[in-house]
Amino acid sequence: MATILVVEDDKHTRLLTCARLKPYYAVAEAENGEEALKMLDQNHIDLIIADIQMPVMNGYDLVKELRESGIQIPVIMLTAMHTFDDKRTGFASGTDDYMTKPIDYEELLWRIKALLRRANIVSQRKIIIGDITLDSAAYTVTREGIITELAKKEFDLLFKLLSYPGMIFTKSQLLDEIWGYETNSDETTIKTHINRLRNKFADCTEFEIITIRGLGYKAEIHEK
């Protein structure tokens, strides 16, 4: 179970946020950035939710301190401020996501899940969806103990789509990112590889690759 650190000086908000998260995650809490850093020295933390306006050390300084120390734990910044400059400052400090108060806790849970998933992909170079594991070290897809080896381009294409479920990628985007800007391949190549992947995983119920007519493709994950 992932551990979430809630950094918030307002006791009511901190307790409410912790209560909303505890059915899904282990939760730690701190009243300000300085206390959060001490928690990080003593505990394994997978994601931080931090307010901006806090005494002793605010959210911006907390994230800046983490990034300058090489700590890449995902951070969601929570704030009552709504201006573009506030958001720009938050992202510039190294935060990964940004939500304004009052908090929509259902949306917060979605964002936490997405950030944890991406962080896991980066650290392990694997994507796990139910019984399926994509291993980028071996270019294999394992499902229920059956290993399917893919050609590198096929694997890279599937890994890209499943890394960002629901996101639409244009054919030109995929061509540039997977085949490179100077490739002689064209959009027909993308279509051919998509069809191969669909054929290889035709009986797979965990995900599907969807064609967005006139745009490109996206992957949808079906969680059981």
Foldseek 3Di string as FASTA:
>chain_A
DAEEEEEAQPPVVSVVLCVLCVVPHHYHYHDALVRVVVVVVPDDHQEYEAEADGPPHGPLRSLLVCVVVVHLRAYEYEYQDDDPVVVVSNVVSPHDYYDYPPDPSVVVVVVVVLSSQLVCCVVQVWHDFPQWIQHLVQCWIAHPRDIDHDDNLLSVLVCVQVNDAPDFAFLVRSCCVRVNPPDPDDSVVVVVSLVVVCVVCVVPPQKHWDADPPGGIHMHGDHD
